[in-house]
């Protein structure tokens, strides 16, 4: 496993780079899913507006 030590004054932190990479990839997937969900919501809203316009016409 790849680990990194960070020394900050008297504090020492050990980072597991594999774990950090996994977390970053999970966060990126969550962001991607959120963007896709927002896109679908906008499409649904647009479709609803089109439907209302055709009923009024």
PDB file of N, CA and C in Angstrom:
ATOM      1  N   UNK A   1       0.831  -1.178   0.000  1.00  0.00           N
ATOM      2  CA  UNK A   1       0.000   0.000   0.000  1.00  0.00           C
ATOM      3  C   UNK A   1       0.876   1.241   0.000  1.00  0.00           C
ATOM      4  N   UNK A   2       0.387   2.257  -0.651  1.00  0.00           N
ATOM      5  CA  UNK A   2       1.119   3.510  -0.734  1.00  0.00           C
ATOM      6  C   UNK A   2       0.649   4.436   0.381  1.00  0.00           C
ATOM      7  N   UNK A   3       1.577   4.850   1.196  1.00  0.00           N
ATOM      8  CA  UNK A   3       1.236   5.723   2.312  1.00  0.00           C
ATOM      9  C   UNK A   3       2.135   6.945   2.282  1.00  0.00           C
ATOM     10  N   UNK A   4       1.635   8.015   2.856  1.00  0.00           N
ATOM     11  CA  UNK A   4       2.387   9.252   2.884  1.00  0.00           C
ATOM     12  C   UNK A   4       2.280   9.839   4.287  1.00  0.00           C
ATOM     13  N   UNK A   5       3.407  10.301   4.818  1.00  0.00           N
ATOM     14  CA  UNK A   5       3.415  10.966   6.114  1.00  0.00           C
ATOM     15  C   UNK A   5       3.416  12.470   5.908  1.00  0.00           C
ATOM     16  N   UNK A   6       2.597  13.144   6.672  1.00  0.00           N
ATOM     17  CA  UNK A   6       2.580  14.603   6.664  1.00  0.00           C
ATOM     18  C   UNK A   6       2.898  15.057   8.078  1.00  0.00           C
ATOM     19  N   UNK A   7       3.919  15.887   8.195  1.00  0.00           N
ATOM     20  CA  UNK A   7       4.319  16.408   9.502  1.00  0.00           C
ATOM     21  C   UNK A   7       3.955  17.883   9.540  1.00  0.00           C
ATOM     22  N   UNK A   8       3.143  18.225  10.517  1.00  0.00           N
ATOM     23  CA  UNK A   8       2.671  19.605  10.666  1.00  0.00           C
ATOM     24  C   UNK A   8       2.946  20.039  12.100  1.00  0.00           C
ATOM     25  N   UNK A   9       4.101  20.667  12.321  1.00  0.00           N
ATOM     26  CA  UNK A   9       4.487  21.032  13.677  1.00  0.00           C
ATOM     27  C   UNK A   9       4.723  19.774  14.486  1.00  0.00           C
ATOM     28  N   UNK A  10       3.985  19.617  15.561  1.00  0.00           N
ATOM     29  CA  UNK A  10       4.099  18.427  16.408  1.00  0.00           C
ATOM     30  C   UNK A  10       3.164  17.305  15.974  1.00  0.00           C
ATOM     31  N   UNK A  11       2.284  17.588  15.024  1.00  0.00           N
ATOM     32  CA  UNK A  11       1.308  16.586  14.576  1.00  0.00           C
ATOM     33  C   UNK A  11       1.869  15.814  13.385  1.00  0.00           C
ATOM     34  N   UNK A  12       1.592  14.520  13.369  1.00  0.00           N
ATOM     35  CA  UNK A  12       1.999  13.657  12.256  1.00  0.00           C
ATOM     36  C   UNK A  12       0.752  12.940  11.747  1.00  0.00           C
ATOM     37  N   UNK A  13       0.534  13.017  10.429  1.00  0.00           N
ATOM     38  CA  UNK A  13      -0.618  12.376   9.798  1.00  0.00           C
ATOM     39  C   UNK A  13      -0.118  11.342   8.799  1.00  0.00           C
ATOM     40  N   UNK A  14      -0.790  10.213   8.759  1.00  0.00           N
ATOM     41  CA  UNK A  14      -0.460   9.175   7.794  1.00  0.00           C
ATOM     42  C   UNK A  14      -1.628   9.056   6.822  1.00  0.00           C
ATOM     43  N   UNK A  15      -1.340   9.229   5.540  1.00  0.00           N
ATOM     44  CA  UNK A  15      -2.376   9.163   4.519  1.00  0.00           C
ATOM     45  C   UNK A  15      -2.225   7.886   3.707  1.00  0.00           C
ATOM     46  N   UNK A  16      -3.319   7.205   3.514  1.00  0.00           N
ATOM     47  CA  UNK A  16      -3.357   6.030   2.650  1.00  0.00           C
ATOM     48  C   UNK A  16      -3.787   6.522   1.270  1.00  0.00           C
ATOM     49  N   UNK A  17      -2.844   6.589   0.336  1.00  0.00           N
ATOM     50  CA  UNK A  17      -3.131   7.157  -0.973  1.00  0.00           C
ATOM     51  C   UNK A  17      -4.145   6.331  -1.762  1.00  0.00           C
ATOM     52  N   UNK A  18      -4.146   5.023  -1.587  1.00  0.00           N
ATOM     53  CA  UNK A  18      -5.128   4.182  -2.279  1.00  0.00           C
ATOM     54  C   UNK A  18      -6.541   4.498  -1.800  1.00  0.00           C
ATOM     55  N   UNK A  19      -6.662   4.692  -0.499  1.00  0.00           N
ATOM     56  CA  UNK A  19      -7.968   5.033   0.070  1.00  0.00           C
ATOM     57  C   UNK A  19      -8.421   6.402  -0.429  1.00  0.00           C
ATOM     58  N   UNK A  20      -7.486   7.348  -0.489  1.00  0.00           N
ATOM     59  CA  UNK A  20      -7.827   8.687  -0.969  1.00  0.00           C
ATOM     60  C   UNK A  20      -8.264   8.654  -2.432  1.00  0.00           C
ATOM     61  N   UNK A  21      -7.597   7.847  -3.246  1.00  0.00           N
ATOM     62  CA  UNK A  21      -7.958   7.715  -4.653  1.00  0.00           C
ATOM     63  C   UNK A  21      -9.356   7.114  -4.790  1.00  0.00           C
ATOM     64  N   UNK A  22      -9.631   6.076  -4.012  1.00  0.00           N
ATOM     65  CA  UNK A  22     -10.950   5.442  -4.040  1.00  0.00           C
ATOM     66  C   UNK A  22     -12.033   6.460  -3.666  1.00  0.00           C
ATOM     67  N   UNK A  23     -11.786   7.252  -2.636  1.00  0.00           N
ATOM     68  CA  UNK A  23     -12.748   8.266  -2.200  1.00  0.00           C
ATOM     69  C   UNK A  23     -12.963   9.299  -3.301  1.00  0.00           C
ATOM     70  N   UNK A  24     -11.874   9.742  -3.946  1.00  0.00           N
ATOM     71  CA  UNK A  24     -11.988  10.719  -5.024  1.00  0.00           C
ATOM     72  C   UNK A  24     -12.814  10.168  -6.180  1.00  0.00           C
ATOM     73  N   UNK A  25     -12.597   8.910  -6.523  1.00  0.00           N
ATOM     74  CA  UNK A  25     -13.353   8.289  -7.614  1.00  0.00           C
ATOM     75  C   UNK A  25     -14.829   8.156  -7.257  1.00  0.00           C
ATOM     76  N   UNK A  26     -15.112   7.801  -6.003  1.00  0.00           N
ATOM     77  CA  UNK A  26     -16.502   7.712  -5.551  1.00  0.00           C
ATOM     78  C   UNK A  26     -17.171   9.074  -5.607  1.00  0.00           C
ATOM     79  N   UNK A  27     -16.460  10.115  -5.169  1.00  0.00           N
ATOM     80  CA  UNK A  27     -17.005  11.472  -5.205  1.00  0.00           C
ATOM     81  C   UNK A  27     -17.274  11.913  -6.637  1.00  0.00           C
ATOM     82  N   UNK A  28     -16.382  11.558  -7.551  1.00  0.00           N
ATOM     83  CA  UNK A  28     -16.562  11.919  -8.956  1.00  0.00           C
ATOM     84  C   UNK A  28     -17.803  11.228  -9.519  1.00  0.00           C
ATOM     85  N   UNK A  29     -18.033   9.978  -9.136  1.00  0.00           N
ATOM     86  CA  UNK A  29     -19.212   9.244  -9.609  1.00  0.00           C
ATOM     87  C   UNK A  29     -20.484   9.879  -9.054  1.00  0.00           C
ATOM     88  N   UNK A  30     -20.452  10.294  -7.790  1.00  0.00           N
ATOM     89  CA  UNK A  30     -21.607  10.958  -7.190  1.00  0.00           C
ATOM     90  C   UNK A  30     -21.897  12.257  -7.935  1.00  0.00           C
ATOM     91  N   UNK A  31     -20.851  13.019  -8.243  1.00  0.00           N
ATOM     92  CA  UNK A  31     -21.023  14.264  -8.990  1.00  0.00           C
ATOM     93  C   UNK A  31     -21.610  13.990 -10.370  1.00  0.00           C
ATOM     94  N   UNK A  32     -21.110  12.956 -11.024  1.00  0.00           N
ATOM     95  CA  UNK A  32     -21.609  12.597 -12.352  1.00  0.00           C
ATOM     96  C   UNK A  32     -23.088  12.219 -12.276  1.00  0.00           C
ATOM     97  N   UNK A  33     -23.463  11.456 -11.262  1.00  0.00           N
ATOM     98  CA  UNK A  33     -24.861  11.054 -11.088  1.00  0.00           C
ATOM     99  C   UNK A  33     -25.750  12.269 -10.826  1.00  0.00           C
ATOM    100  N   UNK A  34     -25.252  13.216 -10.040  1.00  0.00           N
ATOM    101  CA  UNK A  34     -26.022  14.423  -9.744  1.00  0.00           C
ATOM    102  C   UNK A  34     -26.259  15.245 -11.005  1.00  0.00           C
ATOM    103  N   UNK A  35     -25.236  15.393 -11.830  1.00  0.00           N
ATOM    104  CA  UNK A  35     -25.373  16.139 -13.081  1.00  0.00           C
ATOM    105  C   UNK A  35     -26.397  15.458 -13.978  1.00  0.00           C
ATOM    106  N   UNK A  36     -26.347  14.143 -14.062  1.00  0.00           N
ATOM    107  CA  UNK A  36     -27.292  13.398 -14.901  1.00  0.00           C
ATOM    108  C   UNK A  36     -28.719  13.552 -14.369  1.00  0.00           C
ATOM    109  N   UNK A  37     -28.890  13.511 -13.063  1.00  0.00           N
ATOM    110  CA  UNK A  37     -30.210  13.673 -12.460  1.00  0.00           C
ATOM    111  C   UNK A  37     -30.755  15.086 -12.733  1.00  0.00           C
ATOM    112  N   UNK A  38     -29.896  16.092 -12.653  1.00  0.00           N
ATOM    113  CA  UNK A  38     -30.328  17.461 -12.948  1.00  0.00           C
ATOM    114  C   UNK A  38     -30.711  17.604 -14.409  1.00  0.00           C
ATOM    115  N   UNK A  39     -29.968  16.955 -15.299  1.00  0.00           N
ATOM    116  CA  UNK A  39     -30.280  17.002 -16.729  1.00  0.00           C
ATOM    117  C   UNK A  39     -31.646  16.378 -17.003  1.00  0.00           C
ATOM    118  N   UNK A  40     -31.900  15.220 -16.374  1.00  0.00           N
ATOM    119  CA  UNK A  40     -33.200  14.555 -16.563  1.00  0.00           C
ATOM    120  C   UNK A  40     -34.339  15.401 -16.018  1.00  0.00           C
ATOM    121  N   UNK A  41     -34.114  16.032 -14.864  1.00  0.00           N
ATOM    122  CA  UNK A  41     -35.143  16.896 -14.283  1.00  0.00           C
ATOM    123  C   UNK A  41     -35.454  18.055 -15.214  1.00  0.00           C
ATOM    124  N   UNK A  42     -34.427  18.653 -15.809  1.00  0.00           N
ATOM    125  CA  UNK A  42     -34.638  19.759 -16.741  1.00  0.00           C
ATOM    126  C   UNK A  42     -35.393  19.284 -17.975  1.00  0.00           C
ATOM    127  N   UNK A  43     -35.061  18.097 -18.470  1.00  0.00           N
ATOM    128  CA  UNK A  43     -35.776  17.550 -19.620  1.00  0.00           C
ATOM    129  C   UNK A  43     -37.246  17.325 -19.285  1.00  0.00           C
ATOM    130  N   UNK A  44     -37.520  16.800 -18.095  1.00  0.00           N
ATOM    131  CA  UNK A  44     -38.905  16.579 -17.673  1.00  0.00           C
ATOM    132  C   UNK A  44     -39.662  17.897 -17.565  1.00  0.00           C
ATOM    133  N   UNK A  45     -39.013  18.916 -17.029  1.00  0.00           N
ATOM    134  CA  UNK A  45     -39.639  20.229 -16.919  1.00  0.00           C
ATOM    135  C   UNK A  45     -39.942  20.801 -18.297  1.00  0.00           C
ATOM    136  N   UNK A  46     -38.986  20.670 -19.210  1.00  0.00           N
ATOM    137  CA  UNK A  46     -39.203  21.158 -20.576  1.00  0.00           C
ATOM    138  C   UNK A  46     -40.360  20.432 -21.254  1.00  0.00           C
ATOM    139  N   UNK A  47     -40.437  19.127 -21.062  1.00  0.00           N
ATOM    140  CA  UNK A  47     -41.531  18.337 -21.640  1.00  0.00           C
ATOM    141  C   UNK A  47     -42.876  18.772 -21.058  1.00  0.00           C
ATOM    142  N   UNK A  48     -42.917  19.035 -19.768  1.00  0.00           N
ATOM    143  CA  UNK A  48     -44.141  19.490 -19.113  1.00  0.00           C
ATOM    144  C   UNK A  48     -44.567  20.846 -19.680  1.00  0.00           C
ATOM    145  N   UNK A  49     -43.599  21.753 -19.885  1.00  0.00           N
ATOM    146  CA  UNK A  49     -43.917  23.064 -20.456  1.00  0.00           C
ATOM    147  C   UNK A  49     -44.456  22.929 -21.870  1.00  0.00           C
ATOM    148  N   UNK A  50     -43.854  22.036 -22.672  1.00  0.00           N
ATOM    149  CA  UNK A  50     -44.350  21.801 -24.033  1.00  0.00           C
ATOM    150  C   UNK A  50     -45.786  21.286 -24.005  1.00  0.00           C
ATOM    151  N   UNK A  51     -46.045  20.382 -23.068  1.00  0.00           N
ATOM    152  CA  UNK A  51     -47.381  19.816 -22.940  1.00  0.00           C
ATOM    153  C   UNK A  51     -48.387  20.894 -22.585  1.00  0.00           C
ATOM    154  N   UNK A  52     -48.035  21.799 -21.678  1.00  0.00           N
ATOM    155  CA  UNK A  52     -48.947  22.878 -21.301  1.00  0.00           C
ATOM    156  C   UNK A  52     -49.214  23.828 -22.470  1.00  0.00           C
ATOM    157  N   UNK A  53     -48.165  24.106 -23.259  1.00  0.00           N
ATOM    158  CA  UNK A  53     -48.340  25.002 -24.409  1.00  0.00           C
ATOM    159  C   UNK A  53     -49.279  24.392 -25.450  1.00  0.00           C
ATOM    160  N   UNK A  54     -49.172  23.069 -25.664  1.00  0.00           N
ATOM    161  CA  UNK A  54     -50.036  22.435 -26.664  1.00  0.00           C
ATOM    162  C   UNK A  54     -51.490  22.420 -26.180  1.00  0.00           C
ATOM    163  N   UNK A  55     -51.720  22.322 -24.889  1.00  0.00           N
ATOM    164  CA  UNK A  55     -53.080  22.351 -24.354  1.00  0.00           C
ATOM    165  C   UNK A  55     -53.688  23.748 -24.479  1.00  0.00           C
ATOM    166  N   UNK A  56     -52.861  24.778 -24.332  1.00  0.00           N
ATOM    167  CA  UNK A  56     -53.355  26.143 -24.408  1.00  0.00           C
ATOM    168  C   UNK A  56     -53.635  26.560 -25.851  1.00  0.00           C
ATOM    169  N   UNK A  57     -52.879  25.996 -26.792  1.00  0.00           N
ATOM    170  CA  UNK A  57     -52.955  26.380 -28.207  1.00  0.00           C
ATOM    171  C   UNK A  57     -54.208  25.957 -28.826  1.00  0.00           C
TER     172      UNK A  57
END
